[in-house]
């Protein structure tokens, strides 16, 4: 029995671990695909769609009959007194006080009301449907925001990893230089102060490497929050993509005119028009059919027998005609019309903003493309100068100051080249967003 329990526990544990398994290293596309279904923002967007669907059901419920049941019990401590004319008993000109009613009254009722005609009813359903469509558009816009934020965070990590690689590269160079200089100090060829200068540089580089590793850890945790992975779970980024980062041939991105931002504003405009129409229809009458039935018990003694029960039943129609509400409906219509005018200006401004964003991103990408090429040439030149200076230093034809200066220059150029590469990729994302084609970064199954 104990063995069976142990096997069962292992099986359950194994299933739990399997349910939380992630890829060993997340590529950009894997991060994006995971975030689309698991990010906290995506979950909230889906819940907003579900809530809008329930609002449609709420609006539809007014088309169905409204059935209500009621019940009451009243016990009169003192029966109310009513004054009756004396003519009833032959005493004209007098009034006779009479206590009327029963001490105990118990009643049950059932009412049914069905709307026959209401001009605002079906408009309300249309408004609810439009709200659900608006939430779907907002969810699509949220999807673009997720792609944009995750992509930028991913490339921030790659940029930091590239800088850490550069630091490790320079540390390796400093280690080799330190060993060479240490040997030359032992041979009394080089001063000990030169060795100490190398040691200071090496210590600074190691400290920078430690800080950069901490920065990468923080950036990874932020990315985990974005894509919906708990921060306590293991998470690694596929750093092999650093090697594949490079400038590609500039594509001719075309600006899409079917932007989600404009679709959202146009849908809001359509909803405002429906609300204006709905408020105007409130000037029209409404007609509904009603039916009610009930039972009432009256007795001085609370003795629930069959005799004191009395039944009632009514059917009819109710017509409601709005006449004057203090100009409330008129004011509400004016408010919506003003909101509609403001929204029209928002649409115009958004069109202009989207065009400017597209042009800026396109120009920025062209400029950074040139900067990357310049930095690439500078990097090759800096590596060549460093190699030549190192050779001269090994032969005793260059001093340590020249070597350290060329080394610093090489390090700065490598960092500058890495920064421009990351800027190029992030600007490419900006251009994809401005052109309305961010979903191209997703795998085909997630588009």
Protein backbone atom coordinates (compact mmCIF):
# COMPACT_ATOMS: atom_id res chain seq x y z
CA UNK A 1 0.00 0.00 0.00
CA UNK A 2 2.85 2.41 0.90
CA UNK A 3 4.57 1.67 -2.40
CA UNK A 4 1.38 2.47 -4.31
CA UNK A 5 1.05 5.80 -2.48
CA UNK A 6 4.65 6.72 -3.29
CA UNK A 7 4.15 5.89 -6.97
CA UNK A 8 0.93 7.93 -7.02
CA UNK A 9 2.71 10.92 -5.42
CA UNK A 10 5.54 10.70 -7.95
CA UNK A 11 3.03 10.53 -10.78
CA UNK A 12 1.19 13.63 -9.53
CA UNK A 13 4.46 15.48 -8.99
CA UNK A 14 5.63 14.55 -12.44
CA UNK A 15 2.43 15.88 -14.00
CA UNK A 16 2.77 19.12 -12.05
CA UNK A 17 6.32 19.66 -13.23
CA UNK A 18 5.35 18.83 -16.77
CA UNK A 19 2.53 21.37 -16.69
CA UNK A 20 5.06 24.10 -15.82
CA UNK A 21 7.71 23.12 -18.35
CA UNK A 22 9.02 25.87 -20.63
CA UNK A 23 11.50 25.83 -23.48
CA UNK A 24 15.08 25.70 -22.25
CA UNK A 25 15.74 29.07 -23.84
CA UNK A 26 13.10 31.44 -25.17
CA UNK A 27 13.61 32.96 -28.58
CA UNK A 28 11.85 36.21 -29.48
CA UNK A 29 9.12 34.38 -31.37
CA UNK A 30 8.57 31.96 -28.48
CA UNK A 31 8.29 34.89 -26.06
CA UNK A 32 5.72 36.55 -28.31
CA UNK A 33 3.69 33.38 -28.88
CA UNK A 34 3.67 32.64 -25.15
CA UNK A 35 2.70 36.21 -24.22
CA UNK A 36 -0.28 36.32 -26.59
CA UNK A 37 -2.11 33.64 -24.58
CA UNK A 38 -0.56 33.93 -21.13
CA UNK A 39 0.25 37.57 -20.37
CA UNK A 40 -1.76 39.26 -17.66
CA UNK A 41 -2.79 42.01 -20.09
CA UNK A 42 -4.12 39.44 -22.60
CA UNK A 43 -6.19 37.74 -19.89
CA UNK A 44 -7.76 41.07 -18.89
CA UNK A 45 -8.55 41.89 -22.52
CA UNK A 46 -10.33 38.54 -22.96
CA UNK A 47 -12.31 39.10 -19.76
CA UNK A 48 -13.44 42.50 -21.08
CA UNK A 49 -14.79 40.76 -24.20
CA UNK A 50 -16.65 38.22 -22.05
CA UNK A 51 -18.09 41.02 -19.91
CA UNK A 52 -19.32 42.83 -23.03
CA UNK A 53 -20.99 39.57 -24.15
CA UNK A 54 -22.87 39.41 -20.86
CA UNK A 55 -23.99 43.01 -21.36
CA UNK A 56 -25.56 41.93 -24.65
CA UNK A 57 -27.45 39.21 -22.77
CA UNK A 58 -28.53 41.81 -20.22
CA UNK A 59 -29.94 44.04 -22.98
CA UNK A 60 -31.71 41.10 -24.61
CA UNK A 61 -33.34 40.18 -21.31
CA UNK A 62 -35.62 43.23 -21.61
CA UNK A 63 -37.28 41.63 -24.67
CA UNK A 64 -38.43 38.67 -22.58
CA UNK A 65 -41.35 38.80 -20.12
CA UNK A 66 -40.54 40.21 -16.70
CA UNK A 67 -42.05 37.99 -14.01
CA UNK A 68 -42.05 38.99 -10.35
CA UNK A 69 -43.51 37.33 -7.29
CA UNK A 70 -44.28 39.13 -4.04
CA UNK A 71 -45.48 38.29 -0.57
CA UNK A 72 -46.36 40.26 2.55
CA UNK A 73 -47.64 39.80 6.09
CA UNK A 74 -49.11 42.59 8.22
CA UNK A 75 -50.34 42.43 11.80
CA UNK A 76 -52.25 45.52 13.00
CA UNK A 77 -51.74 46.26 16.66
CA UNK A 78 -54.61 48.76 16.41
CA UNK A 79 -57.05 48.72 13.51
CA UNK A 80 -57.31 52.00 11.60
CA UNK A 81 -60.48 54.06 12.16
CA UNK A 82 -62.53 55.43 9.28
CA UNK A 83 -65.30 58.04 9.56
CA UNK A 84 -68.54 56.98 7.83
CA UNK A 85 -71.56 59.24 7.20
CA UNK A 86 -74.45 58.82 9.65
CA UNK A 87 -76.92 58.49 6.75
CA UNK A 88 -75.90 54.84 6.60
CA UNK A 89 -77.76 54.17 9.87
CA UNK A 90 -80.38 56.92 9.62
CA UNK A 91 -78.49 59.62 11.55
CA UNK A 92 -78.03 62.33 8.98
CA UNK A 93 -75.58 65.13 9.60
CA UNK A 94 -73.28 62.99 11.76
CA UNK A 95 -70.16 60.92 11.25
CA UNK A 96 -69.65 57.55 12.80
CA UNK A 97 -66.09 56.27 13.63
CA UNK A 98 -65.69 52.69 12.49
CA UNK A 99 -62.65 50.39 12.75
CA UNK A 100 -62.20 48.55 9.48
CA UNK A 101 -60.02 45.69 8.34
CA UNK A 102 -58.51 42.62 9.99
CA UNK A 103 -55.72 42.32 12.44
CA UNK A 104 -53.85 39.85 10.24
CA UNK A 105 -53.33 40.23 6.50
CA UNK A 106 -51.32 37.80 4.43
CA UNK A 107 -50.92 38.20 0.68
CA UNK A 108 -49.15 36.61 -2.26
CA UNK A 109 -48.99 37.96 -5.82
CA UNK A 110 -47.55 37.30 -9.24
CA UNK A 111 -47.10 39.93 -11.97
CA UNK A 112 -46.07 39.52 -15.59
CA UNK A 113 -45.09 42.38 -17.86
CA UNK A 114 -44.20 42.08 -21.54
CA UNK A 115 -42.96 45.04 -23.55
CA UNK A 116 -44.92 45.35 -26.80
CA UNK A 117 -43.29 48.49 -28.17
CA UNK A 118 -40.22 50.31 -26.89
CA UNK A 119 -38.16 52.38 -29.36
CA UNK A 120 -35.05 52.28 -27.15
CA UNK A 121 -35.01 48.52 -26.55
CA UNK A 122 -33.40 47.26 -29.76
CA UNK A 123 -31.12 50.29 -29.96
CA UNK A 124 -29.79 49.27 -26.54
CA UNK A 125 -29.03 45.80 -27.89
CA UNK A 126 -27.15 47.35 -30.82
CA UNK A 127 -25.14 49.50 -28.42
CA UNK A 128 -24.21 46.40 -26.38
CA UNK A 129 -23.13 44.55 -29.53
CA UNK A 130 -21.03 47.50 -30.62
CA UNK A 131 -19.41 47.55 -27.20
CA UNK A 132 -18.40 43.91 -27.60
CA UNK A 133 -16.94 44.68 -31.04
CA UNK A 134 -15.12 47.63 -29.48
CA UNK A 135 -13.64 45.35 -26.81
CA UNK A 136 -12.48 42.95 -29.53
CA UNK A 137 -10.75 45.83 -31.31
CA UNK A 138 -9.17 46.92 -28.05
CA UNK A 139 -8.02 43.34 -27.48
CA UNK A 140 -6.39 43.41 -30.94
CA UNK A 141 -4.73 46.71 -30.03
CA UNK A 142 -3.61 45.16 -26.75
CA UNK A 143 -2.12 42.31 -28.75
CA UNK A 144 -0.04 44.81 -30.72
CA UNK A 145 1.07 46.48 -27.49
CA UNK A 146 2.13 43.10 -26.10
CA UNK A 147 4.18 42.36 -29.23
CA UNK A 148 5.78 45.80 -29.09
CA UNK A 149 6.62 45.71 -25.35
CA UNK A 150 7.88 42.12 -25.38
CA UNK A 151 10.06 42.72 -28.46
CA UNK A 152 11.65 45.81 -26.94
CA UNK A 153 12.26 44.07 -23.62
CA UNK A 154 13.77 41.08 -25.44
CA UNK A 155 16.18 43.25 -27.41
CA UNK A 156 17.10 45.16 -24.24
CA UNK A 157 18.23 41.83 -22.79
CA UNK A 158 20.16 40.94 -25.95
CA UNK A 159 21.84 44.36 -25.85
CA UNK A 160 22.90 43.83 -22.25
CA UNK A 161 24.12 40.32 -23.08
CA UNK A 162 26.14 41.70 -25.97
CA UNK A 163 27.69 44.30 -23.69
CA UNK A 164 28.52 41.54 -21.18
CA UNK A 165 30.17 39.57 -23.99
CA UNK A 166 32.23 42.65 -24.86
CA UNK A 167 33.28 43.02 -21.23
CA UNK A 168 34.25 39.34 -21.05
CA UNK A 169 36.19 39.76 -24.31
CA UNK A 170 38.12 42.69 -22.85
CA UNK A 171 38.68 40.79 -19.59
CA UNK A 172 40.23 37.95 -21.60
CA UNK A 173 42.47 40.49 -23.37
CA UNK A 174 43.44 42.05 -20.04
CA UNK A 175 44.21 38.63 -18.55
CA UNK A 176 46.57 37.85 -21.42
CA UNK A 177 48.14 41.28 -21.13
CA UNK A 178 48.50 40.92 -17.37
CA UNK A 179 50.32 37.60 -17.71
CA UNK A 180 52.61 39.03 -20.37
CA UNK A 181 53.37 42.17 -18.34
CA UNK A 182 53.88 40.14 -15.16
CA UNK A 183 56.52 38.07 -16.93
CA UNK A 184 58.20 41.20 -18.24
CA UNK A 185 58.23 42.71 -14.75
CA UNK A 186 59.95 39.59 -13.46
CA UNK A 187 62.53 40.02 -16.23
CA UNK A 188 62.93 43.70 -15.26
CA UNK A 189 61.86 44.74 -18.75
CA UNK A 190 58.69 46.58 -17.64
CA UNK A 191 57.89 48.67 -14.59
CA UNK A 192 55.60 47.30 -11.89
CA UNK A 193 53.43 50.40 -12.18
CA UNK A 194 52.40 49.23 -15.65
CA UNK A 195 51.28 45.93 -14.16
CA UNK A 196 49.25 47.75 -11.53
CA UNK A 197 47.54 49.89 -14.17
CA UNK A 198 46.49 46.71 -15.98
CA UNK A 199 45.25 45.25 -12.71
CA UNK A 200 43.09 48.36 -12.06
CA UNK A 201 41.57 48.10 -15.52
CA UNK A 202 40.94 44.39 -15.02
CA UNK A 203 39.25 45.01 -11.66
CA UNK A 204 37.02 47.71 -13.17
CA UNK A 205 36.01 45.43 -16.01
CA UNK A 206 35.14 42.63 -13.59
CA UNK A 207 33.00 45.04 -11.53
CA UNK A 208 31.22 46.20 -14.69
CA UNK A 209 30.60 42.60 -15.64
CA UNK A 210 29.05 41.90 -12.25
CA UNK A 211 26.75 44.92 -12.53
CA UNK A 212 25.78 43.94 -16.07
CA UNK A 213 24.84 40.42 -14.96
CA UNK A 214 22.58 41.95 -12.29
CA UNK A 215 21.02 44.21 -14.92
CA UNK A 216 20.32 41.22 -17.15
CA UNK A 217 18.63 39.40 -14.26
CA UNK A 218 16.34 42.38 -13.65
CA UNK A 219 15.51 42.67 -17.35
CA UNK A 220 14.64 38.96 -17.49
CA UNK A 221 12.26 39.31 -14.54
CA UNK A 222 10.55 42.23 -16.25
CA UNK A 223 10.17 40.16 -19.43
CA UNK A 224 8.71 37.31 -17.38
CA UNK A 225 6.03 39.65 -16.06
CA UNK A 226 5.26 40.83 -19.60
CA UNK A 227 4.78 37.35 -21.03
CA UNK A 228 3.07 35.86 -17.97
CA UNK A 229 5.69 33.54 -16.48
CA UNK A 230 5.94 33.66 -12.65
CA UNK A 231 9.18 35.32 -11.59
CA UNK A 232 10.02 32.40 -9.32
CA UNK A 233 10.13 30.03 -12.32
CA UNK A 234 13.34 29.42 -14.23
CA UNK A 235 13.60 31.54 -17.36
CA UNK A 236 16.37 31.93 -19.90
CA UNK A 237 16.65 33.89 -23.12
CA UNK A 238 18.12 32.38 -26.27
CA UNK A 239 21.31 34.43 -26.52
CA UNK A 240 22.25 32.72 -29.79
CA UNK A 241 20.13 35.38 -31.47
CA UNK A 242 22.84 37.90 -30.60
CA UNK A 243 25.03 36.37 -33.29
CA UNK A 244 22.25 36.64 -35.87
CA UNK A 245 21.59 40.31 -35.16
CA UNK A 246 22.66 42.37 -38.10
CA UNK A 247 21.43 44.90 -40.55
CA UNK A 248 19.24 43.58 -43.29
CA UNK A 249 18.39 45.15 -46.59
CA UNK A 250 15.96 47.96 -46.03
CA UNK A 251 12.51 46.85 -47.08
CA UNK A 252 9.98 49.19 -48.58
CA UNK A 253 7.47 49.26 -45.73
CA UNK A 254 4.12 50.67 -46.76
CA UNK A 255 1.82 52.38 -44.31
CA UNK A 256 -1.42 50.54 -43.71
CA UNK A 257 -4.57 52.65 -43.71
CA UNK A 258 -6.54 49.99 -41.80
CA UNK A 259 -5.07 50.77 -38.41
CA UNK A 260 -6.61 49.35 -35.26
CA UNK A 261 -6.30 52.73 -33.53
CA UNK A 262 -8.59 54.28 -36.15
CA UNK A 263 -10.95 51.29 -36.06
CA UNK A 264 -11.35 51.76 -32.30
CA UNK A 265 -12.13 55.47 -32.68
CA UNK A 266 -14.58 54.82 -35.54
CA UNK A 267 -16.33 52.18 -33.45
CA UNK A 268 -16.58 54.65 -30.57
CA UNK A 269 -18.08 57.15 -33.00
CA UNK A 270 -20.65 54.59 -34.13
CA UNK A 271 -21.59 53.92 -30.50
CA UNK A 272 -22.01 57.64 -29.82
CA UNK A 273 -24.35 57.94 -32.80
CA UNK A 274 -26.41 55.04 -31.46
CA UNK A 275 -26.57 56.63 -28.01
CA UNK A 276 -27.76 59.92 -29.54
CA UNK A 277 -30.43 58.01 -31.43
CA UNK A 278 -31.36 56.15 -28.26
CA UNK A 279 -31.82 59.37 -26.28
CA UNK A 280 -33.98 60.88 -29.04
CA UNK A 281 -36.19 57.79 -29.09
CA UNK A 282 -36.99 58.33 -25.43
CA UNK A 283 -39.41 61.05 -26.59
CA UNK A 284 -41.59 58.27 -28.06
CA UNK A 285 -44.20 56.34 -26.01
CA UNK A 286 -43.75 52.78 -24.78
CA UNK A 287 -46.43 50.11 -24.62
CA UNK A 288 -46.41 46.97 -22.52
CA UNK A 289 -48.88 44.25 -21.55
CA UNK A 290 -49.40 43.40 -17.89
CA UNK A 291 -51.03 40.56 -15.99
CA UNK A 292 -51.28 40.05 -12.24
CA UNK A 293 -52.83 37.50 -9.93
CA UNK A 294 -52.78 37.08 -6.18
CA UNK A 295 -54.24 35.61 -3.01
CA UNK A 296 -54.99 37.48 0.18
CA UNK A 297 -55.79 36.22 3.69
CA UNK A 298 -57.61 38.44 6.19
CA UNK A 299 -58.61 37.40 9.70
CA UNK A 300 -58.45 38.65 13.27
CA UNK A 301 -57.03 35.30 14.25
CA UNK A 302 -54.00 33.90 12.50
CA UNK A 303 -55.79 30.69 11.62
CA UNK A 304 -54.79 29.71 8.08
CA UNK A 305 -57.96 27.99 6.92
CA UNK A 306 -59.39 27.94 3.42
CA UNK A 307 -62.25 30.33 4.13
CA UNK A 308 -60.58 33.74 4.62
CA UNK A 309 -58.52 33.50 1.39
CA UNK A 310 -59.57 35.77 -1.49
CA UNK A 311 -58.19 35.71 -5.01
CA UNK A 312 -57.75 38.48 -7.59
CA UNK A 313 -56.58 38.66 -11.22
CA UNK A 314 -56.10 41.49 -13.71
CA UNK A 315 -54.88 41.88 -17.28
CA UNK A 316 -54.28 45.04 -19.25
CA UNK A 317 -51.88 47.25 -21.13
CA UNK A 318 -49.76 50.14 -19.93
CA UNK A 319 -48.98 53.10 -22.17
CA UNK A 320 -46.30 55.54 -21.08
CA UNK A 321 -46.08 58.84 -22.92
CA UNK A 322 -43.20 61.16 -21.99
CA UNK A 323 -44.36 64.77 -21.96
CA UNK A 324 -41.82 66.93 -20.13
CA UNK A 325 -38.72 65.96 -18.17
CA UNK A 326 -37.22 69.39 -17.54
CA UNK A 327 -35.24 69.23 -20.83
CA UNK A 328 -33.11 66.38 -19.41
CA UNK A 329 -33.18 64.30 -22.60
CA UNK A 330 -32.34 67.36 -24.69
CA UNK A 331 -29.28 68.06 -22.53
CA UNK A 332 -28.12 64.43 -22.77
CA UNK A 333 -28.43 64.54 -26.58
CA UNK A 334 -26.40 67.77 -26.68
CA UNK A 335 -23.70 66.20 -24.49
CA UNK A 336 -23.35 63.23 -26.82
CA UNK A 337 -23.24 65.49 -29.86
CA UNK A 338 -20.41 67.49 -28.30
CA UNK A 339 -18.57 64.24 -27.50
CA UNK A 340 -19.07 63.22 -31.14
CA UNK A 341 -17.48 66.46 -32.37
CA UNK A 342 -14.54 65.96 -29.99
CA UNK A 343 -14.12 62.39 -31.23
CA UNK A 344 -14.01 63.61 -34.83
CA UNK A 345 -11.06 65.80 -33.91
CA UNK A 346 -9.42 62.82 -32.17
CA UNK A 347 -9.76 60.80 -35.38
CA UNK A 348 -8.15 63.57 -37.42
CA UNK A 349 -5.32 63.95 -34.94
CA UNK A 350 -4.74 60.18 -34.78
CA UNK A 351 -4.48 59.98 -38.58
CA UNK A 352 -1.83 62.69 -38.57
CA UNK A 353 0.02 61.12 -35.61
CA UNK A 354 0.11 57.70 -37.26
CA UNK A 355 1.49 59.22 -40.48
CA UNK A 356 4.17 61.14 -38.55
CA UNK A 357 5.14 58.04 -36.56
CA UNK A 358 5.52 56.10 -39.79
CA UNK A 359 7.68 58.74 -41.48
CA UNK A 360 9.83 59.23 -38.35
CA UNK A 361 10.42 55.50 -37.91
CA UNK A 362 11.26 55.06 -41.58
CA UNK A 363 13.75 57.93 -41.56
CA UNK A 364 15.22 56.79 -38.26
CA UNK A 365 15.76 53.28 -39.59
CA UNK A 366 17.63 54.62 -42.62
CA UNK A 367 19.88 56.78 -40.41
CA UNK A 368 20.65 53.96 -37.96
CA UNK A 369 21.37 51.66 -40.91
CA UNK A 370 24.13 54.04 -41.98
CA UNK A 371 25.41 54.38 -38.40
CA UNK A 372 25.67 50.60 -38.05
CA UNK A 373 27.73 50.40 -41.22
CA UNK A 374 30.00 53.20 -39.97
CA UNK A 375 30.41 51.50 -36.58
CA UNK A 376 31.14 48.21 -38.32
CA UNK A 377 34.00 49.85 -40.21
CA UNK A 378 35.25 51.52 -37.03
CA UNK A 379 35.20 48.18 -35.22
CA UNK A 380 37.36 46.50 -37.86
CA UNK A 381 39.77 49.42 -37.75
CA UNK A 382 39.91 49.46 -33.93
CA UNK A 383 40.62 45.71 -33.83
CA UNK A 384 43.38 46.16 -36.38
CA UNK A 385 44.95 49.05 -34.40
CA UNK A 386 44.75 47.09 -31.17
CA UNK A 387 46.38 44.03 -32.76
CA UNK A 388 49.19 46.18 -34.19
CA UNK A 389 49.72 48.03 -30.89
CA UNK A 390 49.77 44.76 -28.98
CA UNK A 391 52.41 43.42 -31.35
CA UNK A 392 54.51 46.57 -30.88
CA UNK A 393 54.10 46.35 -27.10
CA UNK A 394 55.21 42.71 -27.15
CA UNK A 395 58.34 43.77 -29.01
CA UNK A 396 58.94 46.68 -26.64
CA UNK A 397 58.27 49.30 -29.32
CA UNK A 398 55.11 50.72 -27.63
CA UNK A 399 54.46 51.65 -24.03
CA UNK A 400 51.59 50.51 -21.85
CA UNK A 401 49.76 53.85 -22.18
CA UNK A 402 49.39 53.46 -25.92
CA UNK A 403 48.16 49.90 -25.50
CA UNK A 404 45.60 50.80 -22.84
CA UNK A 405 44.33 53.70 -24.92
CA UNK A 406 43.82 51.49 -27.98
CA UNK A 407 42.20 48.89 -25.76
CA UNK A 408 39.77 51.45 -24.34
CA UNK A 409 39.03 52.68 -27.84
CA UNK A 410 38.34 49.12 -28.99
CA UNK A 411 36.01 48.52 -26.06
CA UNK A 412 34.07 51.73 -26.72
CA UNK A 413 33.73 50.96 -30.43
CA UNK A 414 32.48 47.43 -29.70
CA UNK A 415 29.88 48.79 -27.28
CA UNK A 416 28.87 51.49 -29.76
CA UNK A 417 28.46 48.91 -32.51
CA UNK A 418 26.31 46.70 -30.27
CA UNK A 419 24.16 49.66 -29.19
CA UNK A 420 23.52 50.69 -32.79
CA UNK A 421 22.60 47.11 -33.74
CA UNK A 422 20.04 46.94 -30.93
CA UNK A 423 18.74 50.40 -31.87
CA UNK A 424 18.35 49.18 -35.43
CA UNK A 425 16.25 46.19 -34.36
CA UNK A 426 14.11 48.29 -32.00
CA UNK A 427 13.59 50.95 -34.65
CA UNK A 428 12.58 48.18 -37.03
CA UNK A 429 9.92 47.23 -34.49
CA UNK A 430 8.82 50.88 -34.34
CA UNK A 431 8.44 50.87 -38.12
CA UNK A 432 6.47 47.61 -38.07
CA UNK A 433 4.15 49.14 -35.50
CA UNK A 434 3.81 52.36 -37.48
CA UNK A 435 3.04 50.41 -40.63
CA UNK A 436 0.49 48.20 -38.86
CA UNK A 437 2.38 44.95 -39.50
CA UNK A 438 3.63 44.01 -36.02
CA UNK A 439 1.88 40.64 -36.18
CA UNK A 440 4.45 39.52 -38.76
CA UNK A 441 6.73 38.85 -35.79
CA UNK A 442 4.39 36.09 -34.60
CA UNK A 443 4.50 32.53 -35.81
CA UNK A 444 1.91 31.67 -38.46
CA UNK A 445 -0.24 29.75 -35.93
CA UNK A 446 -0.64 32.82 -33.70
CA UNK A 447 -1.54 35.42 -36.30
